[in-house]
């Protein structure tokens, strides 16, 4: 049985955004968010506004030596996207752990993010 997956059709801005995430580029990722946007990762409290989102991103990006997203499916309803992905984290000790995630992104034209909710259980990464 093949484990290869077909490429997923995703908006260009979304692919560019996740490229910045995978580069651990805090300021590049932050630039995609509206000034009053919110972001929630897993079961953490939502971060609201650029300063809070920057703090959350900085924390997450220092935990890992690398992150890689592989889209499984993207659903686009206009102002809301849902992204199913396999996220592979490379830990500081060199382990690679893949976990499933579903992200809901409410956005404006051009990909300005108003709200991002990342449904993920990162527990296996800590193990």
PDB file of N, CA and C in Angstrom:
ATOM      1  N   UNK A   1       0.839  -1.179   0.000  1.00  0.00           N
ATOM      2  CA  UNK A   1       0.000   0.000   0.000  1.00  0.00           C
ATOM      3  C   UNK A   1       0.883   1.241   0.000  1.00  0.00           C
ATOM      4  N   UNK A   2       0.609   2.156  -0.882  1.00  0.00           N
ATOM      5  CA  UNK A   2       1.388   3.381  -0.986  1.00  0.00           C
ATOM      6  C   UNK A   2       0.960   4.384   0.086  1.00  0.00           C
ATOM      7  N   UNK A   3       1.935   5.090   0.623  1.00  0.00           N
ATOM      8  CA  UNK A   3       1.615   6.136   1.593  1.00  0.00           C
ATOM      9  C   UNK A   3       1.682   7.517   0.944  1.00  0.00           C
ATOM     10  N   UNK A   4       1.946   7.579  -0.352  1.00  0.00           N
ATOM     11  CA  UNK A   4       2.031   8.865  -1.056  1.00  0.00           C
ATOM     12  C   UNK A   4       0.653   9.511  -1.103  1.00  0.00           C
ATOM     13  N   UNK A   5       0.628  10.813  -1.003  1.00  0.00           N
ATOM     14  CA  UNK A   5      -0.634  11.542  -1.087  1.00  0.00           C
ATOM     15  C   UNK A   5      -0.583  12.500  -2.267  1.00  0.00           C
ATOM     16  N   UNK A   6      -1.753  12.764  -2.836  1.00  0.00           N
ATOM     17  CA  UNK A   6      -1.843  13.712  -3.944  1.00  0.00           C
ATOM     18  C   UNK A   6      -1.637  15.119  -3.405  1.00  0.00           C
ATOM     19  N   UNK A   7      -1.074  16.003  -4.219  1.00  0.00           N
ATOM     20  CA  UNK A   7      -0.920  17.395  -3.784  1.00  0.00           C
ATOM     21  C   UNK A   7      -2.283  18.010  -3.448  1.00  0.00           C
ATOM     22  N   UNK A   8      -2.298  18.850  -2.460  1.00  0.00           N
ATOM     23  CA  UNK A   8      -3.535  19.505  -2.034  1.00  0.00           C
ATOM     24  C   UNK A   8      -3.571  20.911  -2.623  1.00  0.00           C
ATOM     25  N   UNK A   9      -4.718  21.274  -3.181  1.00  0.00           N
ATOM     26  CA  UNK A   9      -4.892  22.608  -3.743  1.00  0.00           C
ATOM     27  C   UNK A   9      -5.129  23.582  -2.594  1.00  0.00           C
ATOM     28  N   UNK A  10      -4.189  24.486  -2.382  1.00  0.00           N
ATOM     29  CA  UNK A  10      -4.290  25.478  -1.314  1.00  0.00           C
ATOM     30  C   UNK A  10      -4.043  26.857  -1.900  1.00  0.00           C
ATOM     31  N   UNK A  11      -4.707  27.865  -1.353  1.00  0.00           N
ATOM     32  CA  UNK A  11      -4.435  29.235  -1.825  1.00  0.00           C
ATOM     33  C   UNK A  11      -2.945  29.567  -1.658  1.00  0.00           C
ATOM     34  N   UNK A  12      -2.432  30.362  -2.567  1.00  0.00           N
ATOM     35  CA  UNK A  12      -1.014  30.738  -2.527  1.00  0.00           C
ATOM     36  C   UNK A  12      -0.644  31.375  -1.195  1.00  0.00           C
ATOM     37  N   UNK A  13      -1.487  32.291  -0.705  1.00  0.00           N
ATOM     38  CA  UNK A  13      -1.154  32.971   0.550  1.00  0.00           C
ATOM     39  C   UNK A  13      -1.031  31.983   1.703  1.00  0.00           C
ATOM     40  N   UNK A  14      -1.855  30.915   1.685  1.00  0.00           N
ATOM     41  CA  UNK A  14      -1.807  29.918   2.755  1.00  0.00           C
ATOM     42  C   UNK A  14      -0.494  29.138   2.698  1.00  0.00           C
ATOM     43  N   UNK A  15      -0.090  28.729   1.498  1.00  0.00           N
ATOM     44  CA  UNK A  15       1.183  28.018   1.344  1.00  0.00           C
ATOM     45  C   UNK A  15       2.358  28.898   1.761  1.00  0.00           C
ATOM     46  N   UNK A  16       2.312  30.176   1.386  1.00  0.00           N
ATOM     47  CA  UNK A  16       3.385  31.103   1.775  1.00  0.00           C
ATOM     48  C   UNK A  16       3.410  31.305   3.292  1.00  0.00           C
ATOM     49  N   UNK A  17       2.239  31.395   3.913  1.00  0.00           N
ATOM     50  CA  UNK A  17       2.147  31.546   5.367  1.00  0.00           C
ATOM     51  C   UNK A  17       2.787  30.347   6.067  1.00  0.00           C
ATOM     52  N   UNK A  18       2.402  29.136   5.650  1.00  0.00           N
ATOM     53  CA  UNK A  18       2.949  27.941   6.311  1.00  0.00           C
ATOM     54  C   UNK A  18       4.430  27.754   6.005  1.00  0.00           C
ATOM     55  N   UNK A  19       4.899  28.274   4.888  1.00  0.00           N
ATOM     56  CA  UNK A  19       6.332  28.263   4.623  1.00  0.00           C
ATOM     57  C   UNK A  19       7.068  29.071   5.694  1.00  0.00           C
ATOM     58  N   UNK A  20       6.508  30.195   6.084  1.00  0.00           N
ATOM     59  CA  UNK A  20       7.108  31.014   7.148  1.00  0.00           C
ATOM     60  C   UNK A  20       7.037  30.304   8.493  1.00  0.00           C
ATOM     61  N   UNK A  21       5.921  29.612   8.744  1.00  0.00           N
ATOM     62  CA  UNK A  21       5.811  28.822   9.980  1.00  0.00           C
ATOM     63  C   UNK A  21       6.920  27.772  10.000  1.00  0.00           C
ATOM     64  N   UNK A  22       7.072  27.065   8.899  1.00  0.00           N
ATOM     65  CA  UNK A  22       8.068  25.987   8.831  1.00  0.00           C
ATOM     66  C   UNK A  22       9.498  26.512   8.888  1.00  0.00           C
ATOM     67  N   UNK A  23       9.698  27.776   8.570  1.00  0.00           N
ATOM     68  CA  UNK A  23      11.020  28.402   8.705  1.00  0.00           C
ATOM     69  C   UNK A  23      11.230  28.972  10.104  1.00  0.00           C
ATOM     70  N   UNK A  24      10.220  28.818  10.974  1.00  0.00           N
ATOM     71  CA  UNK A  24      10.260  29.354  12.339  1.00  0.00           C
ATOM     72  C   UNK A  24      10.490  30.867  12.319  1.00  0.00           C
ATOM     73  N   UNK A  25       9.845  31.539  11.376  1.00  0.00           N
ATOM     74  CA  UNK A  25       9.994  32.971  11.142  1.00  0.00           C
ATOM     75  C   UNK A  25       8.901  33.732  11.898  1.00  0.00           C
ATOM     76  N   UNK A  26       9.160  34.068  13.147  1.00  0.00           N
ATOM     77  CA  UNK A  26       8.156  34.713  13.989  1.00  0.00           C
ATOM     78  C   UNK A  26       7.583  35.967  13.344  1.00  0.00           C
ATOM     79  N   UNK A  27       8.427  36.883  12.905  1.00  0.00           N
ATOM     80  CA  UNK A  27       7.942  38.145  12.348  1.00  0.00           C
ATOM     81  C   UNK A  27       7.221  37.932  11.022  1.00  0.00           C
ATOM     82  N   UNK A  28       7.681  36.987  10.210  1.00  0.00           N
ATOM     83  CA  UNK A  28       7.008  36.683   8.954  1.00  0.00           C
ATOM     84  C   UNK A  28       5.618  36.120   9.173  1.00  0.00           C
ATOM     85  N   UNK A  29       5.487  35.242  10.164  1.00  0.00           N
ATOM     86  CA  UNK A  29       4.177  34.687  10.497  1.00  0.00           C
ATOM     87  C   UNK A  29       3.282  35.781  11.061  1.00  0.00           C
ATOM     88  N   UNK A  30       3.814  36.554  11.978  1.00  0.00           N
ATOM     89  CA  UNK A  30       3.044  37.613  12.626  1.00  0.00           C
ATOM     90  C   UNK A  30       2.496  38.610  11.615  1.00  0.00           C
ATOM     91  N   UNK A  31       3.240  38.873  10.546  1.00  0.00           N
ATOM     92  CA  UNK A  31       2.822  39.846   9.538  1.00  0.00           C
ATOM     93  C   UNK A  31       1.511  39.453   8.859  1.00  0.00           C
ATOM     94  N   UNK A  32       1.142  38.192   8.898  1.00  0.00           N
ATOM     95  CA  UNK A  32      -0.097  37.743   8.263  1.00  0.00           C
ATOM     96  C   UNK A  32      -1.328  38.012   9.125  1.00  0.00           C
ATOM     97  N   UNK A  33      -1.132  38.357  10.403  1.00  0.00           N
ATOM     98  CA  UNK A  33      -2.245  38.562  11.327  1.00  0.00           C
ATOM     99  C   UNK A  33      -2.671  40.026  11.381  1.00  0.00           C
ATOM    100  N   UNK A  34      -3.980  40.256  11.439  1.00  0.00           N
ATOM    101  CA  UNK A  34      -4.503  41.600  11.699  1.00  0.00           C
ATOM    102  C   UNK A  34      -4.027  42.026  13.089  1.00  0.00           C
ATOM    103  N   UNK A  35      -3.953  43.333  13.320  1.00  0.00           N
ATOM    104  CA  UNK A  35      -3.452  43.849  14.598  1.00  0.00           C
ATOM    105  C   UNK A  35      -4.256  43.345  15.794  1.00  0.00           C
ATOM    106  N   UNK A  36      -5.557  43.116  15.607  1.00  0.00           N
ATOM    107  CA  UNK A  36      -6.416  42.670  16.707  1.00  0.00           C
ATOM    108  C   UNK A  36      -6.790  41.191  16.593  1.00  0.00           C
ATOM    109  N   UNK A  37      -6.018  40.431  15.829  1.00  0.00           N
ATOM    110  CA  UNK A  37      -6.300  39.018  15.595  1.00  0.00           C
ATOM    111  C   UNK A  37      -6.131  38.200  16.873  1.00  0.00           C
ATOM    112  N   UNK A  38      -6.637  36.966  16.809  1.00  0.00           N
ATOM    113  CA  UNK A  38      -6.434  36.022  17.905  1.00  0.00           C
ATOM    114  C   UNK A  38      -5.918  34.704  17.332  1.00  0.00           C
ATOM    115  N   UNK A  39      -5.151  34.001  18.169  1.00  0.00           N
ATOM    116  CA  UNK A  39      -4.610  32.704  17.789  1.00  0.00           C
ATOM    117  C   UNK A  39      -4.657  31.789  19.006  1.00  0.00           C
ATOM    118  N   UNK A  40      -5.184  30.597  18.805  1.00  0.00           N
ATOM    119  CA  UNK A  40      -5.230  29.608  19.884  1.00  0.00           C
ATOM    120  C   UNK A  40      -4.553  28.339  19.403  1.00  0.00           C
ATOM    121  N   UNK A  41      -3.611  27.828  20.205  1.00  0.00           N
ATOM    122  CA  UNK A  41      -2.858  26.611  19.878  1.00  0.00           C
ATOM    123  C   UNK A  41      -3.222  25.546  20.902  1.00  0.00           C
ATOM    124  N   UNK A  42      -3.818  24.449  20.426  1.00  0.00           N
ATOM    125  CA  UNK A  42      -4.183  23.358  21.321  1.00  0.00           C
ATOM    126  C   UNK A  42      -5.146  23.835  22.393  1.00  0.00           C
ATOM    127  N   UNK A  43      -4.866  23.465  23.640  1.00  0.00           N
ATOM    128  CA  UNK A  43      -5.756  23.824  24.739  1.00  0.00           C
ATOM    129  C   UNK A  43      -5.322  25.094  25.467  1.00  0.00           C
ATOM    130  N   UNK A  44      -4.336  25.800  24.929  1.00  0.00           N
ATOM    131  CA  UNK A  44      -3.873  27.047  25.547  1.00  0.00           C
ATOM    132  C   UNK A  44      -4.932  28.137  25.387  1.00  0.00           C
ATOM    133  N   UNK A  45      -4.824  29.158  26.210  1.00  0.00           N
ATOM    134  CA  UNK A  45      -5.692  30.321  26.065  1.00  0.00           C
ATOM    135  C   UNK A  45      -5.383  31.022  24.743  1.00  0.00           C
ATOM    136  N   UNK A  46      -6.372  31.680  24.198  1.00  0.00           N
ATOM    137  CA  UNK A  46      -6.167  32.425  22.959  1.00  0.00           C
ATOM    138  C   UNK A  46      -5.242  33.613  23.215  1.00  0.00           C
ATOM    139  N   UNK A  47      -4.328  33.831  22.296  1.00  0.00           N
ATOM    140  CA  UNK A  47      -3.477  35.025  22.302  1.00  0.00           C
ATOM    141  C   UNK A  47      -4.179  36.057  21.436  1.00  0.00           C
ATOM    142  N   UNK A  48      -4.354  37.271  21.958  1.00  0.00           N
ATOM    143  CA  UNK A  48      -5.086  38.305  21.233  1.00  0.00           C
ATOM    144  C   UNK A  48      -4.166  39.504  21.019  1.00  0.00           C
ATOM    145  N   UNK A  49      -4.037  39.922  19.756  1.00  0.00           N
ATOM    146  CA  UNK A  49      -3.193  41.060  19.408  1.00  0.00           C
ATOM    147  C   UNK A  49      -1.773  40.626  19.087  1.00  0.00           C
ATOM    148  N   UNK A  50      -1.064  41.488  18.367  1.00  0.00           N
ATOM    149  CA  UNK A  50       0.285  41.156  17.896  1.00  0.00           C
ATOM    150  C   UNK A  50       1.254  40.814  19.009  1.00  0.00           C
ATOM    151  N   UNK A  51       1.241  41.567  20.107  1.00  0.00           N
ATOM    152  CA  UNK A  51       2.207  41.296  21.170  1.00  0.00           C
ATOM    153  C   UNK A  51       1.998  39.904  21.757  1.00  0.00           C
ATOM    154  N   UNK A  52       0.745  39.539  22.021  1.00  0.00           N
ATOM    155  CA  UNK A  52       0.449  38.223  22.596  1.00  0.00           C
ATOM    156  C   UNK A  52       0.753  37.104  21.596  1.00  0.00           C
ATOM    157  N   UNK A  53       0.400  37.311  20.341  1.00  0.00           N
ATOM    158  CA  UNK A  53       0.677  36.288  19.318  1.00  0.00           C
ATOM    159  C   UNK A  53       2.185  36.131  19.147  1.00  0.00           C
ATOM    160  N   UNK A  54       2.925  37.234  19.102  1.00  0.00           N
ATOM    161  CA  UNK A  54       4.389  37.172  18.999  1.00  0.00           C
ATOM    162  C   UNK A  54       4.968  36.357  20.167  1.00  0.00           C
ATOM    163  N   UNK A  55       4.474  36.611  21.369  1.00  0.00           N
ATOM    164  CA  UNK A  55       4.947  35.869  22.536  1.00  0.00           C
ATOM    165  C   UNK A  55       4.697  34.374  22.406  1.00  0.00           C
ATOM    166  N   UNK A  56       3.503  34.000  21.941  1.00  0.00           N
ATOM    167  CA  UNK A  56       3.184  32.581  21.751  1.00  0.00           C
ATOM    168  C   UNK A  56       4.040  31.940  20.674  1.00  0.00           C
ATOM    169  N   UNK A  57       4.215  32.650  19.559  1.00  0.00           N
ATOM    170  CA  UNK A  57       5.048  32.120  18.471  1.00  0.00           C
ATOM    171  C   UNK A  57       6.500  31.963  18.915  1.00  0.00           C
ATOM    172  N   UNK A  58       7.016  32.961  19.606  1.00  0.00           N
ATOM    173  CA  UNK A  58       8.405  32.913  20.077  1.00  0.00           C
ATOM    174  C   UNK A  58       8.603  31.707  20.986  1.00  0.00           C
ATOM    175  N   UNK A  59       7.653  31.491  21.879  1.00  0.00           N
ATOM    176  CA  UNK A  59       7.738  30.336  22.780  1.00  0.00           C
ATOM    177  C   UNK A  59       7.720  29.028  21.988  1.00  0.00           C
ATOM    178  N   UNK A  60       6.736  28.873  21.090  1.00  0.00           N
ATOM    179  CA  UNK A  60       6.630  27.633  20.306  1.00  0.00           C
ATOM    180  C   UNK A  60       7.879  27.400  19.457  1.00  0.00           C
ATOM    181  N   UNK A  61       8.352  28.443  18.808  1.00  0.00           N
ATOM    182  CA  UNK A  61       9.467  28.298  17.875  1.00  0.00           C
ATOM    183  C   UNK A  61      10.785  28.016  18.586  1.00  0.00           C
ATOM    184  N   UNK A  62      10.895  28.322  19.870  1.00  0.00           N
ATOM    185  CA  UNK A  62      12.128  27.973  20.592  1.00  0.00           C
ATOM    186  C   UNK A  62      12.067  26.561  21.151  1.00  0.00           C
ATOM    187  N   UNK A  63      10.864  25.979  21.228  1.00  0.00           N
ATOM    188  CA  UNK A  63      10.747  24.595  21.704  1.00  0.00           C
ATOM    189  C   UNK A  63      11.300  23.594  20.694  1.00  0.00           C
ATOM    190  N   UNK A  64      11.199  23.925  19.421  1.00  0.00           N
ATOM    191  CA  UNK A  64      11.493  22.965  18.359  1.00  0.00           C
ATOM    192  C   UNK A  64      12.675  23.393  17.508  1.00  0.00           C
ATOM    193  N   UNK A  65      13.407  22.411  17.010  1.00  0.00           N
ATOM    194  CA  UNK A  65      14.500  22.680  16.081  1.00  0.00           C
ATOM    195  C   UNK A  65      13.965  22.814  14.656  1.00  0.00           C
ATOM    196  N   UNK A  66      12.753  22.341  14.420  1.00  0.00           N
ATOM    197  CA  UNK A  66      12.140  22.444  13.101  1.00  0.00           C
ATOM    198  C   UNK A  66      10.686  22.023  13.135  1.00  0.00           C
ATOM    199  N   UNK A  67       9.933  22.522  12.176  1.00  0.00           N
ATOM    200  CA  UNK A  67       8.523  22.161  11.996  1.00  0.00           C
ATOM    201  C   UNK A  67       8.291  21.992  10.500  1.00  0.00           C
ATOM    202  N   UNK A  68       7.487  20.987  10.144  1.00  0.00           N
ATOM    203  CA  UNK A  68       7.131  20.777   8.732  1.00  0.00           C
ATOM    204  C   UNK A  68       5.649  20.421   8.654  1.00  0.00           C
ATOM    205  N   UNK A  69       4.903  21.153   7.851  1.00  0.00           N
ATOM    206  CA  UNK A  69       3.482  20.896   7.638  1.00  0.00           C
ATOM    207  C   UNK A  69       3.281  20.215   6.299  1.00  0.00           C
ATOM    208  N   UNK A  70       2.491  19.175   6.292  1.00  0.00           N
ATOM    209  CA  UNK A  70       2.077  18.529   5.046  1.00  0.00           C
ATOM    210  C   UNK A  70       0.555  18.569   5.015  1.00  0.00           C
ATOM    211  N   UNK A  71       0.019  19.362   4.095  1.00  0.00           N
ATOM    212  CA  UNK A  71      -1.435  19.485   3.994  1.00  0.00           C
ATOM    213  C   UNK A  71      -2.028  18.160   3.537  1.00  0.00           C
ATOM    214  N   UNK A  72      -3.089  17.750   4.198  1.00  0.00           N
ATOM    215  CA  UNK A  72      -3.858  16.577   3.789  1.00  0.00           C
ATOM    216  C   UNK A  72      -5.114  17.005   3.038  1.00  0.00           C
ATOM    217  N   UNK A  73      -5.727  18.113   3.507  1.00  0.00           N
ATOM    218  CA  UNK A  73      -6.926  18.647   2.855  1.00  0.00           C
ATOM    219  C   UNK A  73      -7.085  20.102   3.255  1.00  0.00           C
ATOM    220  N   UNK A  74      -7.666  20.888   2.343  1.00  0.00           N
ATOM    221  CA  UNK A  74      -7.979  22.294   2.616  1.00  0.00           C
ATOM    222  C   UNK A  74      -9.401  22.535   2.145  1.00  0.00           C
ATOM    223  N   UNK A  75     -10.227  23.056   3.046  1.00  0.00           N
ATOM    224  CA  UNK A  75     -11.593  23.420   2.717  1.00  0.00           C
ATOM    225  C   UNK A  75     -11.697  24.924   2.795  1.00  0.00           C
ATOM    226  N   UNK A  76     -12.192  25.532   1.730  1.00  0.00           N
ATOM    227  CA  UNK A  76     -12.258  26.992   1.633  1.00  0.00           C
ATOM    228  C   UNK A  76     -13.702  27.409   1.425  1.00  0.00           C
ATOM    229  N   UNK A  77     -14.252  28.155   2.398  1.00  0.00           N
ATOM    230  CA  UNK A  77     -15.633  28.612   2.290  1.00  0.00           C
ATOM    231  C   UNK A  77     -15.708  30.099   2.003  1.00  0.00           C
ATOM    232  N   UNK A  78     -14.602  30.691   1.603  1.00  0.00           N
ATOM    233  CA  UNK A  78     -14.571  32.123   1.338  1.00  0.00           C
ATOM    234  C   UNK A  78     -13.774  32.838   2.411  1.00  0.00           C
ATOM    235  N   UNK A  79     -14.406  33.152   3.523  1.00  0.00           N
ATOM    236  CA  UNK A  79     -13.700  33.852   4.593  1.00  0.00           C
ATOM    237  C   UNK A  79     -13.196  32.908   5.689  1.00  0.00           C
ATOM    238  N   UNK A  80     -13.465  31.629   5.539  1.00  0.00           N
ATOM    239  CA  UNK A  80     -12.994  30.637   6.514  1.00  0.00           C
ATOM    240  C   UNK A  80     -12.330  29.488   5.769  1.00  0.00           C
ATOM    241  N   UNK A  81     -11.155  29.116   6.254  1.00  0.00           N
ATOM    242  CA  UNK A  81     -10.438  27.946   5.723  1.00  0.00           C
ATOM    243  C   UNK A  81     -10.293  26.923   6.844  1.00  0.00           C
ATOM    244  N   UNK A  82     -10.349  25.665   6.484  1.00  0.00           N
ATOM    245  CA  UNK A  82      -9.991  24.593   7.405  1.00  0.00           C
ATOM    246  C   UNK A  82      -8.858  23.814   6.755  1.00  0.00           C
ATOM    247  N   UNK A  83      -7.810  23.585   7.515  1.00  0.00           N
ATOM    248  CA  UNK A  83      -6.626  22.911   7.001  1.00  0.00           C
ATOM    249  C   UNK A  83      -6.358  21.671   7.838  1.00  0.00           C
ATOM    250  N   UNK A  84      -6.434  20.510   7.198  1.00  0.00           N
ATOM    251  CA  UNK A  84      -6.027  19.270   7.859  1.00  0.00           C
ATOM    252  C   UNK A  84      -4.580  19.026   7.455  1.00  0.00           C
ATOM    253  N   UNK A  85      -3.734  18.791   8.442  1.00  0.00           N
ATOM    254  CA  UNK A  85      -2.311  18.614   8.146  1.00  0.00           C
ATOM    255  C   UNK A  85      -1.688  17.574   9.057  1.00  0.00           C
ATOM    256  N   UNK A  86      -0.592  17.029   8.584  1.00  0.00           N
ATOM    257  CA  UNK A  86       0.293  16.265   9.439  1.00  0.00           C
ATOM    258  C   UNK A  86       1.451  17.205   9.737  1.00  0.00           C
ATOM    259  N   UNK A  87       1.702  17.420  11.010  1.00  0.00           N
ATOM    260  CA  UNK A  87       2.749  18.340  11.428  1.00  0.00           C
ATOM    261  C   UNK A  87       3.885  17.527  12.029  1.00  0.00           C
ATOM    262  N   UNK A  88       5.061  17.665  11.453  1.00  0.00           N
ATOM    263  CA  UNK A  88       6.234  16.952  11.965  1.00  0.00           C
ATOM    264  C   UNK A  88       7.103  17.950  12.708  1.00  0.00           C
ATOM    265  N   UNK A  89       7.317  17.659  13.976  1.00  0.00           N
ATOM    266  CA  UNK A  89       8.165  18.497  14.829  1.00  0.00           C
ATOM    267  C   UNK A  89       9.523  17.822  14.977  1.00  0.00           C
ATOM    268  N   UNK A  90      10.584  18.581  14.823  1.00  0.00           N
ATOM    269  CA  UNK A  90      11.928  18.099  15.128  1.00  0.00           C
ATOM    270  C   UNK A  90      12.308  18.719  16.463  1.00  0.00           C
ATOM    271  N   UNK A  91      12.536  17.872  17.436  1.00  0.00           N
ATOM    272  CA  UNK A  91      12.828  18.351  18.782  1.00  0.00           C
ATOM    273  C   UNK A  91      14.287  18.788  18.884  1.00  0.00           C
ATOM    274  N   UNK A  92      14.597  19.472  19.963  1.00  0.00           N
ATOM    275  CA  UNK A  92      15.965  19.949  20.170  1.00  0.00           C
ATOM    276  C   UNK A  92      16.955  18.789  20.302  1.00  0.00           C
ATOM    277  N   UNK A  93      16.475  17.596  20.687  1.00  0.00           N
ATOM    278  CA  UNK A  93      17.369  16.430  20.785  1.00  0.00           C
ATOM    279  C   UNK A  93      17.391  15.597  19.501  1.00  0.00           C
ATOM    280  N   UNK A  94      16.773  16.119  18.432  1.00  0.00           N
ATOM    281  CA  UNK A  94      16.872  15.484  17.118  1.00  0.00           C
ATOM    282  C   UNK A  94      15.761  14.512  16.754  1.00  0.00           C
ATOM    283  N   UNK A  95      14.827  14.238  17.662  1.00  0.00           N
ATOM    284  CA  UNK A  95      13.715  13.339  17.323  1.00  0.00           C
ATOM    285  C   UNK A  95      12.760  14.042  16.360  1.00  0.00           C
ATOM    286  N   UNK A  96      12.096  13.267  15.507  1.00  0.00           N
ATOM    287  CA  UNK A  96      11.028  13.780  14.654  1.00  0.00           C
ATOM    288  C   UNK A  96       9.747  13.063  15.017  1.00  0.00           C
ATOM    289  N   UNK A  97       8.720  13.850  15.332  1.00  0.00           N
ATOM    290  CA  UNK A  97       7.439  13.302  15.755  1.00  0.00           C
ATOM    291  C   UNK A  97       6.344  13.961  14.929  1.00  0.00           C
ATOM    292  N   UNK A  98       5.517  13.146  14.285  1.00  0.00           N
ATOM    293  CA  UNK A  98       4.422  13.663  13.462  1.00  0.00           C
ATOM    294  C   UNK A  98       3.103  13.525  14.211  1.00  0.00           C
ATOM    295  N   UNK A  99       2.298  14.583  14.183  1.00  0.00           N
ATOM    296  CA  UNK A  99       0.983  14.569  14.812  1.00  0.00           C
ATOM    297  C   UNK A  99      -0.036  15.204  13.867  1.00  0.00           C
ATOM    298  N   UNK A 100      -1.287  14.736  13.924  1.00  0.00           N
ATOM    299  CA  UNK A 100      -2.328  15.339  13.084  1.00  0.00           C
ATOM    300  C   UNK A 100      -2.811  16.644  13.690  1.00  0.00           C
ATOM    301  N   UNK A 101      -3.258  17.548  12.825  1.00  0.00           N
ATOM    302  CA  UNK A 101      -3.802  18.830  13.287  1.00  0.00           C
ATOM    303  C   UNK A 101      -4.904  19.278  12.343  1.00  0.00           C
ATOM    304  N   UNK A 102      -5.825  20.035  12.899  1.00  0.00           N
ATOM    305  CA  UNK A 102      -6.847  20.704  12.106  1.00  0.00           C
ATOM    306  C   UNK A 102      -6.831  22.165  12.528  1.00  0.00           C
ATOM    307  N   UNK A 103      -6.703  23.057  11.566  1.00  0.00           N
ATOM    308  CA  UNK A 103      -6.654  24.484  11.850  1.00  0.00           C
ATOM    309  C   UNK A 103      -7.803  25.181  11.147  1.00  0.00           C
ATOM    310  N   UNK A 104      -8.489  26.046  11.885  1.00  0.00           N
ATOM    311  CA  UNK A 104      -9.564  26.864  11.340  1.00  0.00           C
ATOM    312  C   UNK A 104      -9.029  28.293  11.280  1.00  0.00           C
ATOM    313  N   UNK A 105      -9.093  28.889  10.092  1.00  0.00           N
ATOM    314  CA  UNK A 105      -8.566  30.238   9.884  1.00  0.00           C
ATOM    315  C   UNK A 105      -9.675  31.122   9.326  1.00  0.00           C
ATOM    316  N   UNK A 106     -10.021  32.159  10.079  1.00  0.00           N
ATOM    317  CA  UNK A 106     -10.939  33.182   9.578  1.00  0.00           C
ATOM    318  C   UNK A 106     -10.075  34.314   9.051  1.00  0.00           C
ATOM    319  N   UNK A 107     -10.336  34.737   7.800  1.00  0.00           N
ATOM    320  CA  UNK A 107      -9.429  35.685   7.153  1.00  0.00           C
ATOM    321  C   UNK A 107     -10.168  36.636   6.240  1.00  0.00           C
ATOM    322  N   UNK A 108      -9.447  37.681   5.868  1.00  0.00           N
ATOM    323  CA  UNK A 108      -9.933  38.670   4.897  1.00  0.00           C
ATOM    324  C   UNK A 108      -9.301  38.364   3.547  1.00  0.00           C
ATOM    325  N   UNK A 109      -9.729  39.067   2.513  1.00  0.00           N
ATOM    326  CA  UNK A 109      -9.110  38.927   1.196  1.00  0.00           C
ATOM    327  C   UNK A 109      -7.608  39.125   1.304  1.00  0.00           C
ATOM    328  N   UNK A 110      -6.871  38.337   0.573  1.00  0.00           N
ATOM    329  CA  UNK A 110      -5.420  38.452   0.586  1.00  0.00           C
ATOM    330  C   UNK A 110      -4.757  37.700   1.721  1.00  0.00           C
ATOM    331  N   UNK A 111      -5.556  37.054   2.558  1.00  0.00           N
ATOM    332  CA  UNK A 111      -4.978  36.218   3.597  1.00  0.00           C
ATOM    333  C   UNK A 111      -4.660  36.907   4.906  1.00  0.00           C
ATOM    334  N   UNK A 112      -5.235  38.087   5.169  1.00  0.00           N
ATOM    335  CA  UNK A 112      -5.035  38.718   6.476  1.00  0.00           C
ATOM    336  C   UNK A 112      -5.851  37.921   7.490  1.00  0.00           C
ATOM    337  N   UNK A 113      -5.175  37.352   8.476  1.00  0.00           N
ATOM    338  CA  UNK A 113      -5.820  36.444   9.427  1.00  0.00           C
ATOM    339  C   UNK A 113      -6.429  37.238  10.582  1.00  0.00           C
ATOM    340  N   UNK A 114      -7.725  36.982  10.832  1.00  0.00           N
ATOM    341  CA  UNK A 114      -8.425  37.577  11.973  1.00  0.00           C
ATOM    342  C   UNK A 114      -8.446  36.629  13.168  1.00  0.00           C
ATOM    343  N   UNK A 115      -8.538  35.342  12.893  1.00  0.00           N
ATOM    344  CA  UNK A 115      -8.612  34.355  13.969  1.00  0.00           C
ATOM    345  C   UNK A 115      -8.072  33.024  13.454  1.00  0.00           C
ATOM    346  N   UNK A 116      -7.236  32.401  14.275  1.00  0.00           N
ATOM    347  CA  UNK A 116      -6.687  31.096  13.930  1.00  0.00           C
ATOM    348  C   UNK A 116      -6.831  30.188  15.151  1.00  0.00           C
ATOM    349  N   UNK A 117      -7.443  29.033  14.926  1.00  0.00           N
ATOM    350  CA  UNK A 117      -7.612  28.050  15.994  1.00  0.00           C
ATOM    351  C   UNK A 117      -6.976  26.743  15.541  1.00  0.00           C
ATOM    352  N   UNK A 118      -5.939  26.326  16.255  1.00  0.00           N
ATOM    353  CA  UNK A 118      -5.165  25.137  15.891  1.00  0.00           C
ATOM    354  C   UNK A 118      -5.539  24.018  16.846  1.00  0.00           C
ATOM    355  N   UNK A 119      -6.202  23.014  16.319  1.00  0.00           N
ATOM    356  CA  UNK A 119      -6.633  21.876  17.122  1.00  0.00           C
ATOM    357  C   UNK A 119      -5.579  20.771  16.973  1.00  0.00           C
ATOM    358  N   UNK A 120      -4.795  20.597  18.017  1.00  0.00           N
ATOM    359  CA  UNK A 120      -3.665  19.670  17.985  1.00  0.00           C
ATOM    360  C   UNK A 120      -3.390  19.184  19.394  1.00  0.00           C
ATOM    361  N   UNK A 121      -2.898  17.971  19.499  1.00  0.00           N
ATOM    362  CA  UNK A 121      -2.432  17.445  20.777  1.00  0.00           C
ATOM    363  C   UNK A 121      -0.922  17.226  20.646  1.00  0.00           C
ATOM    364  N   UNK A 122      -0.122  18.154  21.152  1.00  0.00           N
ATOM    365  CA  UNK A 122       1.338  18.033  21.011  1.00  0.00           C
ATOM    366  C   UNK A 122       1.984  17.090  22.040  1.00  0.00           C
ATOM    367  N   UNK A 123       1.167  16.401  22.840  1.00  0.00           N
ATOM    368  CA  UNK A 123       1.702  15.530  23.890  1.00  0.00           C
ATOM    369  C   UNK A 123       2.735  14.528  23.370  1.00  0.00           C
ATOM    370  N   UNK A 124       2.526  13.874  22.229  1.00  0.00           N
ATOM    371  CA  UNK A 124       3.523  12.910  21.763  1.00  0.00           C
ATOM    372  C   UNK A 124       4.902  13.525  21.519  1.00  0.00           C
ATOM    373  N   UNK A 125       4.951  14.805  21.222  1.00  0.00           N
ATOM    374  CA  UNK A 125       6.224  15.470  20.959  1.00  0.00           C
ATOM    375  C   UNK A 125       7.064  15.575  22.237  1.00  0.00           C
ATOM    376  N   UNK A 126       6.374  15.768  23.363  1.00  0.00           N
ATOM    377  CA  UNK A 126       7.062  15.928  24.648  1.00  0.00           C
ATOM    378  C   UNK A 126       7.624  14.615  25.158  1.00  0.00           C
ATOM    379  N   UNK A 127       7.040  13.504  24.703  1.00  0.00           N
ATOM    380  CA  UNK A 127       7.384  12.195  25.218  1.00  0.00           C
ATOM    381  C   UNK A 127       8.728  11.729  24.922  1.00  0.00           C
TER     382      UNK A 127
END
